Amino acid sequence: MKLVRFGPPGREKPGIVDSNGRIRDLSKVVPDIAGDTLSRRGLAKIRKAPIAKLPAVRAGVRLGPCVGGTRHFIAIGLNYSDHAAEAGMPLPKEPIIFEKAPSCICGPNDDTMVPKGSLKLDWEIELAIVIGERARYLSKKDALEVVAGYCVCNDVSERHFQIERAGQWTKGKGCETFGPLGPWLVTREEIKDVQKLDMWLDVNGEKRQRGNTGTMVFDAAHIVWYCSQFFVLEPGDVITTGTPPGVGLGMKPEPKFLKPGDVVTCGIEGLGEQRQKVVKFKM
């Protein structure tokens, strides 16, 4: 299933993409694509719904983030071998974990705002894992059983904040609009092999990132298992799993960063595409 949330920011409704590519309103079936709806029982309820009889949503409606109620937006650093080489850093021996502020989550096609004081605004196409069941101390073999599905994430980053302002990475990763998710959440059974997905990102139509989830240092199952050893995972939590090479910081002969007016387009095989226009900060 491809599950979506549509409508104005903060007032999104749940939806599903039907066999003809149209969005159907799930409001009378589930309250939101969040919380218990993401559990195996909640997803089974959606599967039993008469999708073709549900109200069709008008074309062109705004898509919100494909998951709601996220309490923890977890990120994994340096998780692609080719990106680590690009950054000139050794491969991590264990997953590098940091958090993006849940308040940075936005729709897949919402504008990216340049935060106050920004000097080095960057992009990162990433596979995101959406948790569907409460989980703690998972076994490796059962780790993916708690996953509701997957989606596209652009891990927007401010490198000056992240690297040059001291402290931890978090403050360069959680600014407003730095977490576009979607266009839809693709449930786990729809993806035959999550470690064989092509990824891409362009800026103003120019090639920037090309990669594949097969070059992850730690795969999706390992990441979910590992995180569960240190904190409780809750339904609606999101883990974004790292990026392939081609980020602005790593470009040669010198880095390139985003500026107002730039347009970022990105996508992952089977998970859809995003488009963000970079705009000046606005209250």
C-alpha atoms as a PDB file:
ATOM      1  CA  MET A   1       0.000   0.000   0.000  1.00  0.00           C
ATOM      2  CA  LYS A   2       0.978   3.596  -0.588  1.00  0.00           C
ATOM      3  CA  LEU A   3      -0.339   5.709   2.291  1.00  0.00           C
ATOM      4  CA  VAL A   4      -0.431   9.497   2.251  1.00  0.00           C
ATOM      5  CA  ARG A   5      -1.480  12.473   4.333  1.00  0.00           C
ATOM      6  CA  PHE A   6      -3.020  15.360   2.433  1.00  0.00           C
ATOM      7  CA  GLY A   7      -4.337  18.832   3.118  1.00  0.00           C
ATOM      8  CA  PRO A   8      -3.129  22.042   4.813  1.00  0.00           C
ATOM      9  CA  PRO A   9      -0.191  21.911   7.256  1.00  0.00           C
ATOM     10  CA  GLY A  10      -1.342  20.687  10.646  1.00  0.00           C
ATOM     11  CA  ARG A  11      -4.735  19.570   9.309  1.00  0.00           C
ATOM     12  CA  GLU A  12      -3.714  16.671   7.097  1.00  0.00           C
ATOM     13  CA  LYS A  13      -6.101  13.785   6.478  1.00  0.00           C
ATOM     14  CA  PRO A  14      -5.178  10.138   5.866  1.00  0.00           C
ATOM     15  CA  GLY A  15      -5.285   8.776   2.344  1.00  0.00           C
ATOM     16  CA  ILE A  16      -4.288   5.852   0.160  1.00  0.00           C
ATOM     17  CA  VAL A  17      -3.159   5.725  -3.466  1.00  0.00           C
ATOM     18  CA  ASP A  18      -5.512   3.453  -5.446  1.00  0.00           C
ATOM     19  CA  SER A  19      -4.625   1.166  -8.355  1.00  0.00           C
ATOM     20  CA  ASN A  20      -5.144   4.043 -10.799  1.00  0.00           C
ATOM     21  CA  GLY A  21      -2.814   6.397  -8.934  1.00  0.00           C
ATOM     22  CA  ARG A  22      -5.601   8.495  -7.406  1.00  0.00           C
ATOM     23  CA  ILE A  23      -5.665   9.399  -3.731  1.00  0.00           C
ATOM     24  CA  ARG A  24      -8.678   8.124  -1.778  1.00  0.00           C
ATOM     25  CA  ASP A  25      -9.757   9.644   1.530  1.00  0.00           C
ATOM     26  CA  LEU A  26      -9.283   7.231   4.453  1.00  0.00           C
ATOM     27  CA  SER A  27     -10.805   9.552   7.072  1.00  0.00           C
ATOM     28  CA  LYS A  28     -13.746   7.226   7.720  1.00  0.00           C
ATOM     29  CA  VAL A  29     -11.455   4.212   8.056  1.00  0.00           C
ATOM     30  CA  VAL A  30      -8.602   5.490  10.254  1.00  0.00           C
ATOM     31  CA  PRO A  31      -7.987   8.795  12.084  1.00  0.00           C
ATOM     32  CA  ASP A  32      -4.490   9.385  10.669  1.00  0.00           C
ATOM     33  CA  ILE A  33      -1.429   7.664   9.255  1.00  0.00           C
ATOM     34  CA  ALA A  34       0.082   7.692  12.726  1.00  0.00           C
ATOM     35  CA  GLY A  35       0.231   5.755  15.987  1.00  0.00           C
ATOM     36  CA  ASP A  36      -1.781   2.548  16.097  1.00  0.00           C
ATOM     37  CA  THR A  37      -2.753   2.876  12.427  1.00  0.00           C
ATOM     38  CA  LEU A  38       0.849   1.915  11.624  1.00  0.00           C
ATOM     39  CA  SER A  39       0.674  -1.363  13.542  1.00  0.00           C
ATOM     40  CA  ARG A  40       0.067  -4.675  11.799  1.00  0.00           C
ATOM     41  CA  ARG A  41      -3.520  -4.598  13.062  1.00  0.00           C
ATOM     42  CA  GLY A  42      -4.037  -1.007  11.872  1.00  0.00           C
ATOM     43  CA  LEU A  43      -2.629  -1.682   8.411  1.00  0.00           C
ATOM     44  CA  ALA A  44      -4.779  -4.825   8.126  1.00  0.00           C
ATOM     45  CA  LYS A  45      -7.844  -2.663   8.767  1.00  0.00           C
ATOM     46  CA  ILE A  46      -6.906  -0.435   5.837  1.00  0.00           C
ATOM     47  CA  ARG A  47      -6.355  -3.449   3.577  1.00  0.00           C
ATOM     48  CA  LYS A  48      -9.916  -4.618   4.271  1.00  0.00           C
ATOM     49  CA  ALA A  49     -11.431  -1.230   3.361  1.00  0.00           C
ATOM     50  CA  PRO A  50     -13.341  -0.853   0.059  1.00  0.00           C
ATOM     51  CA  ILE A  51     -10.718   1.455  -1.439  1.00  0.00           C
ATOM     52  CA  ALA A  52     -12.495   1.960  -4.791  1.00  0.00           C
ATOM     53  CA  LYS A  53     -15.617   3.195  -2.982  1.00  0.00           C
ATOM     54  CA  LEU A  54     -13.842   5.781  -0.831  1.00  0.00           C
ATOM     55  CA  PRO A  55     -14.072   9.481  -1.815  1.00  0.00           C
ATOM     56  CA  ALA A  56     -11.488  10.537  -4.391  1.00  0.00           C
ATOM     57  CA  VAL A  57      -9.278  13.487  -3.450  1.00  0.00           C
ATOM     58  CA  ARG A  58      -8.976  16.344  -5.936  1.00  0.00           C
ATOM     59  CA  ALA A  59      -5.857  16.348  -8.080  1.00  0.00           C
ATOM     60  CA  GLY A  60      -3.116  18.718  -7.023  1.00  0.00           C
ATOM     61  CA  VAL A  61      -3.913  18.661  -3.310  1.00  0.00           C
ATOM     62  CA  ARG A  62      -0.947  19.385  -1.040  1.00  0.00           C
ATOM     63  CA  LEU A  63       0.760  16.282   0.308  1.00  0.00           C
ATOM     64  CA  GLY A  64       1.835  16.482   3.929  1.00  0.00           C
ATOM     65  CA  PRO A  65       4.513  14.334   5.555  1.00  0.00           C
ATOM     66  CA  CYS A  66       3.461  10.737   4.996  1.00  0.00           C
ATOM     67  CA  VAL A  67       3.545   9.897   8.707  1.00  0.00           C
ATOM     68  CA  GLY A  68       2.097  11.904  11.589  1.00  0.00           C
ATOM     69  CA  GLY A  69       2.710  12.040  15.320  1.00  0.00           C
ATOM     70  CA  THR A  70       6.452  11.405  15.056  1.00  0.00           C
ATOM     71  CA  ARG A  71       8.076  11.751  18.466  1.00  0.00           C
ATOM     72  CA  HIS A  72      11.591  10.685  17.522  1.00  0.00           C
ATOM     73  CA  PHE A  73      13.209  11.549  14.190  1.00  0.00           C
ATOM     74  CA  ILE A  74      16.395   9.492  14.345  1.00  0.00           C
ATOM     75  CA  ALA A  75      19.224   9.800  11.831  1.00  0.00           C
ATOM     76  CA  ILE A  76      22.241   7.664  10.987  1.00  0.00           C
ATOM     77  CA  GLY A  77      25.488   9.323   9.931  1.00  0.00           C
ATOM     78  CA  LEU A  78      28.176   8.157   7.483  1.00  0.00           C
ATOM     79  CA  ASN A  79      26.210   5.035   6.617  1.00  0.00           C
ATOM     80  CA  TYR A  80      27.235   4.715   2.955  1.00  0.00           C
ATOM     81  CA  SER A  81      30.731   3.478   2.199  1.00  0.00           C
ATOM     82  CA  ASP A  82      31.066   5.716  -0.869  1.00  0.00           C
ATOM     83  CA  HIS A  83      29.851   8.793   1.058  1.00  0.00           C
ATOM     84  CA  ALA A  84      32.335   8.139   3.876  1.00  0.00           C
ATOM     85  CA  ALA A  85      35.098   7.972   1.256  1.00  0.00           C
ATOM     86  CA  GLU A  86      33.847  11.266  -0.235  1.00  0.00           C
ATOM     87  CA  ALA A  87      34.002  12.868   3.222  1.00  0.00           C
ATOM     88  CA  GLY A  88      37.489  11.427   3.837  1.00  0.00           C
ATOM     89  CA  MET A  89      36.311   9.692   7.001  1.00  0.00           C
ATOM     90  CA  PRO A  90      36.772   6.093   8.144  1.00  0.00           C
ATOM     91  CA  LEU A  91      33.840   3.713   8.115  1.00  0.00           C
ATOM     92  CA  PRO A  92      32.111   3.684  11.502  1.00  0.00           C
ATOM     93  CA  LYS A  93      32.408   0.518  13.570  1.00  0.00           C
ATOM     94  CA  GLU A  94      28.910   1.054  14.945  1.00  0.00           C
ATOM     95  CA  PRO A  95      26.019   3.181  13.621  1.00  0.00           C
ATOM     96  CA  ILE A  96      26.421   6.902  14.293  1.00  0.00           C
ATOM     97  CA  ILE A  97      23.111   8.073  15.790  1.00  0.00           C
ATOM     98  CA  PHE A  98      21.830  11.624  16.113  1.00  0.00           C
ATOM     99  CA  GLU A  99      18.365  13.201  16.091  1.00  0.00           C
ATOM    100  CA  LYS A 100      16.594  15.632  13.836  1.00  0.00           C
ATOM    101  CA  ALA A 101      13.958  17.733  15.590  1.00  0.00           C
ATOM    102  CA  PRO A 102      10.456  16.367  14.833  1.00  0.00           C
ATOM    103  CA  SER A 103       9.399  19.989  14.262  1.00  0.00           C
ATOM    104  CA  CYS A 104      11.524  20.008  11.089  1.00  0.00           C
ATOM    105  CA  ILE A 105       9.237  17.455   9.411  1.00  0.00           C
ATOM    106  CA  CYS A 106       7.292  18.809   6.440  1.00  0.00           C
ATOM    107  CA  GLY A 107       5.597  17.710   3.238  1.00  0.00           C
ATOM    108  CA  PRO A 108       7.641  16.267   0.357  1.00  0.00           C
ATOM    109  CA  ASN A 109       7.052  19.270  -1.886  1.00  0.00           C
ATOM    110  CA  ASP A 110       7.004  22.050   0.704  1.00  0.00           C
ATOM    111  CA  ASP A 111       9.523  24.884   0.393  1.00  0.00           C
ATOM    112  CA  THR A 112      12.876  24.586   2.168  1.00  0.00           C
ATOM    113  CA  MET A 113      13.492  27.727   4.208  1.00  0.00           C
ATOM    114  CA  VAL A 114      17.022  29.038   4.603  1.00  0.00           C
ATOM    115  CA  PRO A 115      17.408  29.451   8.395  1.00  0.00           C
ATOM    116  CA  LYS A 116      18.689  32.656   9.964  1.00  0.00           C
ATOM    117  CA  GLY A 117      22.484  32.786   9.919  1.00  0.00           C
ATOM    118  CA  SER A 118      22.799  30.000   7.355  1.00  0.00           C
ATOM    119  CA  LEU A 119      25.975  29.894   5.262  1.00  0.00           C
ATOM    120  CA  LYS A 120      26.159  26.326   3.935  1.00  0.00           C
ATOM    121  CA  LEU A 121      22.775  24.755   3.164  1.00  0.00           C
ATOM    122  CA  ASP A 122      23.109  21.210   1.826  1.00  0.00           C
ATOM    123  CA  TRP A 123      21.060  18.242   0.624  1.00  0.00           C
ATOM    124  CA  GLU A 124      21.042  14.490   1.373  1.00  0.00           C
ATOM    125  CA  ILE A 125      18.730  11.948  -0.282  1.00  0.00           C
ATOM    126  CA  GLU A 126      17.956   9.174   2.210  1.00  0.00           C
ATOM    127  CA  LEU A 127      15.825   6.097   2.750  1.00  0.00           C
ATOM    128  CA  ALA A 128      13.627   6.552   5.831  1.00  0.00           C
ATOM    129  CA  ILE A 129      12.225   3.718   7.943  1.00  0.00           C
ATOM    130  CA  VAL A 130       8.831   4.234   9.618  1.00  0.00           C
ATOM    131  CA  ILE A 131       8.258   2.263  12.818  1.00  0.00           C
ATOM    132  CA  GLY A 132       4.863   0.613  13.302  1.00  0.00           C
ATOM    133  CA  GLU A 133       5.141  -1.210  16.634  1.00  0.00           C
ATOM    134  CA  ARG A 134       6.553  -0.359  20.054  1.00  0.00           C
ATOM    135  CA  ALA A 135       9.925  -2.055  20.217  1.00  0.00           C
ATOM    136  CA  ARG A 136      12.765  -2.533  22.700  1.00  0.00           C
ATOM    137  CA  TYR A 137      15.694  -4.951  22.696  1.00  0.00           C
ATOM    138  CA  LEU A 138      14.772  -6.563  19.403  1.00  0.00           C
ATOM    139  CA  SER A 139      16.572  -9.594  18.028  1.00  0.00           C
ATOM    140  CA  LYS A 140      18.297  -9.052  14.673  1.00  0.00           C
ATOM    141  CA  LYS A 141      16.130 -11.646  12.934  1.00  0.00           C
ATOM    142  CA  ASP A 142      12.900  -9.947  14.031  1.00  0.00           C
ATOM    143  CA  ALA A 143      13.971  -6.326  13.606  1.00  0.00           C
ATOM    144  CA  LEU A 144      12.053  -5.593  10.395  1.00  0.00           C
ATOM    145  CA  GLU A 145       8.835  -7.031  11.837  1.00  0.00           C
ATOM    146  CA  VAL A 146       8.249  -3.729  13.652  1.00  0.00           C
ATOM    147  CA  VAL A 147       8.644  -1.664  10.476  1.00  0.00           C
ATOM    148  CA  ALA A 148       5.432  -0.274   8.964  1.00  0.00           C
ATOM    149  CA  GLY A 149       7.116   0.851   5.774  1.00  0.00           C
ATOM    150  CA  TYR A 150       9.580   3.117   4.021  1.00  0.00           C
ATOM    151  CA  CYS A 151       9.630   6.582   2.476  1.00  0.00           C
ATOM    152  CA  VAL A 152      11.887   9.171   0.878  1.00  0.00           C
ATOM    153  CA  CYS A 153      13.623  11.720   3.100  1.00  0.00           C
ATOM    154  CA  ASN A 154      15.754  14.703   2.139  1.00  0.00           C
ATOM    155  CA  ASP A 155      17.970  15.160   5.185  1.00  0.00           C
ATOM    156  CA  VAL A 156      18.444  18.899   4.641  1.00  0.00           C
ATOM    157  CA  SER A 157      21.539  20.053   6.507  1.00  0.00           C
ATOM    158  CA  GLU A 158      23.239  23.322   7.425  1.00  0.00           C
ATOM    159  CA  ARG A 159      26.947  22.450   7.436  1.00  0.00           C
ATOM    160  CA  HIS A 160      28.140  25.645   9.130  1.00  0.00           C
ATOM    161  CA  PHE A 161      25.817  24.941  12.063  1.00  0.00           C
ATOM    162  CA  GLN A 162      26.597  21.218  12.017  1.00  0.00           C
ATOM    163  CA  ILE A 163      30.387  21.259  11.759  1.00  0.00           C
ATOM    164  CA  GLU A 164      31.771  24.707  12.515  1.00  0.00           C
ATOM    165  CA  ARG A 165      29.597  25.897  15.410  1.00  0.00           C
ATOM    166  CA  ALA A 166      30.873  23.243  17.882  1.00  0.00           C
ATOM    167  CA  GLY A 167      28.750  20.786  19.831  1.00  0.00           C
ATOM    168  CA  GLN A 168      26.750  18.025  18.216  1.00  0.00           C
ATOM    169  CA  TRP A 169      25.336  17.600  14.688  1.00  0.00           C
ATOM    170  CA  THR A 170      21.747  18.046  15.813  1.00  0.00           C
ATOM    171  CA  LYS A 171      21.603  21.828  15.453  1.00  0.00           C
ATOM    172  CA  GLY A 172      22.607  21.623  11.789  1.00  0.00           C
ATOM    173  CA  LYS A 173      19.951  19.024  11.066  1.00  0.00           C
ATOM    174  CA  GLY A 174      16.708  20.093  12.742  1.00  0.00           C
ATOM    175  CA  CYS A 175      15.880  23.563  11.431  1.00  0.00           C
ATOM    176  CA  GLU A 176      12.349  24.246  10.226  1.00  0.00           C
ATOM    177  CA  THR A 177      11.549  22.419   6.921  1.00  0.00           C
ATOM    178  CA  PHE A 178      14.723  20.279   7.143  1.00  0.00           C
ATOM    179  CA  GLY A 179      12.774  16.990   7.116  1.00  0.00           C
ATOM    180  CA  PRO A 180      10.542  16.500   4.060  1.00  0.00           C
ATOM    181  CA  LEU A 181       9.004  12.991   4.173  1.00  0.00           C
ATOM    182  CA  GLY A 182       7.040  11.305   1.410  1.00  0.00           C
ATOM    183  CA  PRO A 183       5.298  11.568  -1.002  1.00  0.00           C
ATOM    184  CA  TRP A 184       3.913   8.391   0.492  1.00  0.00           C
ATOM    185  CA  LEU A 185       4.679   5.686   2.992  1.00  0.00           C
ATOM    186  CA  VAL A 186       5.121   2.397   1.135  1.00  0.00           C
ATOM    187  CA  THR A 187       4.259  -0.525   3.380  1.00  0.00           C
ATOM    188  CA  ARG A 188       6.985  -3.071   3.989  1.00  0.00           C
ATOM    189  CA  GLU A 189       5.552  -5.928   1.927  1.00  0.00           C
ATOM    190  CA  GLU A 190       5.606  -3.758  -1.214  1.00  0.00           C
ATOM    191  CA  ILE A 191       9.413  -3.558  -1.209  1.00  0.00           C
ATOM    192  CA  LYS A 192      10.994  -6.871  -2.216  1.00  0.00           C
ATOM    193  CA  ASP A 193      14.517  -5.931  -1.137  1.00  0.00           C
ATOM    194  CA  VAL A 194      15.073  -2.656   0.672  1.00  0.00           C
ATOM    195  CA  GLN A 195      18.835  -3.049   0.130  1.00  0.00           C
ATOM    196  CA  LYS A 196      18.562  -2.859  -3.672  1.00  0.00           C
ATOM    197  CA  LEU A 197      16.945   0.533  -4.286  1.00  0.00           C
ATOM    198  CA  ASP A 198      18.385   3.173  -6.608  1.00  0.00           C
ATOM    199  CA  MET A 199      18.479   6.750  -5.247  1.00  0.00           C
ATOM    200  CA  TRP A 200      18.956  10.119  -6.954  1.00  0.00           C
ATOM    201  CA  LEU A 201      18.969  13.854  -6.276  1.00  0.00           C
ATOM    202  CA  ASP A 202      19.301  16.825  -8.653  1.00  0.00           C
ATOM    203  CA  VAL A 203      19.629  20.569  -8.056  1.00  0.00           C
ATOM    204  CA  ASN A 204      18.118  22.805 -10.737  1.00  0.00           C
ATOM    205  CA  GLY A 205      17.981  19.775 -13.013  1.00  0.00           C
ATOM    206  CA  GLU A 206      21.723  19.070 -12.620  1.00  0.00           C
ATOM    207  CA  LYS A 207      22.908  15.690 -11.388  1.00  0.00           C
ATOM    208  CA  ARG A 208      24.130  15.674  -7.798  1.00  0.00           C
ATOM    209  CA  GLN A 209      23.584  12.326  -6.080  1.00  0.00           C
ATOM    210  CA  ARG A 210      23.310   8.844  -7.548  1.00  0.00           C
ATOM    211  CA  GLY A 211      23.462   5.799  -5.319  1.00  0.00           C
ATOM    212  CA  ASN A 212      21.920   2.565  -4.154  1.00  0.00           C
ATOM    213  CA  THR A 213      20.903   1.303  -0.733  1.00  0.00           C
ATOM    214  CA  GLY A 214      23.178  -1.671  -1.382  1.00  0.00           C
ATOM    215  CA  THR A 215      26.193   0.409  -0.350  1.00  0.00           C
ATOM    216  CA  MET A 216      24.908   0.974   3.181  1.00  0.00           C
ATOM    217  CA  VAL A 217      27.471   0.154   5.847  1.00  0.00           C
ATOM    218  CA  PHE A 218      24.690  -1.006   8.195  1.00  0.00           C
ATOM    219  CA  ASP A 219      21.499  -2.285   6.551  1.00  0.00           C
ATOM    220  CA  ALA A 220      17.937  -1.408   7.568  1.00  0.00           C
ATOM    221  CA  ALA A 221      17.489  -4.463   9.794  1.00  0.00           C
ATOM    222  CA  HIS A 222      20.739  -3.805  11.631  1.00  0.00           C
ATOM    223  CA  ILE A 223      19.831  -0.158  12.195  1.00  0.00           C
ATOM    224  CA  VAL A 224      16.406  -0.938  13.672  1.00  0.00           C
ATOM    225  CA  TRP A 225      17.883  -3.681  15.865  1.00  0.00           C
ATOM    226  CA  TYR A 226      20.729  -1.430  17.005  1.00  0.00           C
ATOM    227  CA  CYS A 227      18.517   1.529  17.890  1.00  0.00           C
ATOM    228  CA  SER A 228      16.218  -0.730  19.938  1.00  0.00           C
ATOM    229  CA  GLN A 229      19.147  -1.664  22.189  1.00  0.00           C
ATOM    230  CA  PHE A 230      19.438   1.922  23.440  1.00  0.00           C
ATOM    231  CA  PHE A 231      15.930   3.430  23.423  1.00  0.00           C
ATOM    232  CA  VAL A 232      12.313   2.430  22.924  1.00  0.00           C
ATOM    233  CA  LEU A 233      10.982   2.798  19.388  1.00  0.00           C
ATOM    234  CA  GLU A 234       7.362   3.934  19.112  1.00  0.00           C
ATOM    235  CA  PRO A 235       4.823   3.802  16.252  1.00  0.00           C
ATOM    236  CA  GLY A 236       5.403   6.791  14.003  1.00  0.00           C
ATOM    237  CA  ASP A 237       9.076   7.141  14.841  1.00  0.00           C
ATOM    238  CA  VAL A 238      11.235   7.705  11.767  1.00  0.00           C
ATOM    239  CA  ILE A 239      14.817   6.556  11.190  1.00  0.00           C
ATOM    240  CA  THR A 240      16.548   8.136   8.218  1.00  0.00           C
ATOM    241  CA  THR A 241      19.439   5.934   7.234  1.00  0.00           C
ATOM    242  CA  GLY A 242      22.241   7.955   5.627  1.00  0.00           C
ATOM    243  CA  THR A 243      23.109   9.258   2.184  1.00  0.00           C
ATOM    244  CA  PRO A 244      25.188   8.217  -0.845  1.00  0.00           C
ATOM    245  CA  PRO A 245      27.920  10.498  -2.302  1.00  0.00           C
ATOM    246  CA  GLY A 246      27.250  13.773  -4.103  1.00  0.00           C
ATOM    247  CA  VAL A 247      26.398  16.141  -1.261  1.00  0.00           C
ATOM    248  CA  GLY A 248      27.317  19.807  -1.675  1.00  0.00           C
ATOM    249  CA  LEU A 249      29.956  19.659   1.049  1.00  0.00           C
ATOM    250  CA  GLY A 250      31.868  16.979  -0.846  1.00  0.00           C
ATOM    251  CA  MET A 251      31.885  18.565  -4.303  1.00  0.00           C
ATOM    252  CA  LYS A 252      35.219  19.220  -6.026  1.00  0.00           C
ATOM    253  CA  PRO A 253      37.144  21.421  -6.573  1.00  0.00           C
ATOM    254  CA  GLU A 254      35.063  23.287  -3.985  1.00  0.00           C
ATOM    255  CA  PRO A 255      31.797  22.721  -2.121  1.00  0.00           C
ATOM    256  CA  LYS A 256      28.491  23.979  -3.529  1.00  0.00           C
ATOM    257  CA  PHE A 257      25.546  24.940  -1.368  1.00  0.00           C
ATOM    258  CA  LEU A 258      21.894  25.830  -1.861  1.00  0.00           C
ATOM    259  CA  LYS A 259      20.590  29.365  -2.226  1.00  0.00           C
ATOM    260  CA  PRO A 260      17.111  30.907  -2.533  1.00  0.00           C
ATOM    261  CA  GLY A 261      15.533  30.053  -5.866  1.00  0.00           C
ATOM    262  CA  ASP A 262      17.231  26.673  -6.209  1.00  0.00           C
ATOM    263  CA  VAL A 263      15.010  23.634  -6.775  1.00  0.00           C
ATOM    264  CA  VAL A 264      15.876  20.219  -5.362  1.00  0.00           C
ATOM    265  CA  THR A 265      14.279  17.103  -6.856  1.00  0.00           C
ATOM    266  CA  CYS A 266      14.977  13.642  -5.480  1.00  0.00           C
ATOM    267  CA  GLY A 267      13.585  10.148  -5.287  1.00  0.00           C
ATOM    268  CA  ILE A 268      14.088   6.488  -4.485  1.00  0.00           C
ATOM    269  CA  GLU A 269      13.084   3.514  -6.614  1.00  0.00           C
ATOM    270  CA  GLY A 270       9.584   2.379  -5.644  1.00  0.00           C
ATOM    271  CA  LEU A 271       9.125   5.129  -3.054  1.00  0.00           C
ATOM    272  CA  GLY A 272       8.309   8.153  -5.208  1.00  0.00           C
ATOM    273  CA  GLU A 273       9.789  11.609  -5.726  1.00  0.00           C
ATOM    274  CA  GLN A 274      10.032  14.958  -3.926  1.00  0.00           C
ATOM    275  CA  ARG A 275      10.483  18.559  -5.064  1.00  0.00           C
ATOM    276  CA  GLN A 276      11.510  21.491  -2.846  1.00  0.00           C
ATOM    277  CA  LYS A 277      12.123  25.126  -3.743  1.00  0.00           C
ATOM    278  CA  VAL A 278      14.629  26.931  -1.542  1.00  0.00           C
ATOM    279  CA  VAL A 279      13.242  30.198  -0.157  1.00  0.00           C
ATOM    280  CA  LYS A 280      14.387  32.915   2.240  1.00  0.00           C
ATOM    281  CA  PHE A 281      13.438  32.573   5.893  1.00  0.00           C
ATOM    282  CA  LYS A 282       9.935  33.796   6.649  1.00  0.00           C
ATOM    283  CA  MET A 283       8.056  34.126   9.908  1.00  0.00           C
END
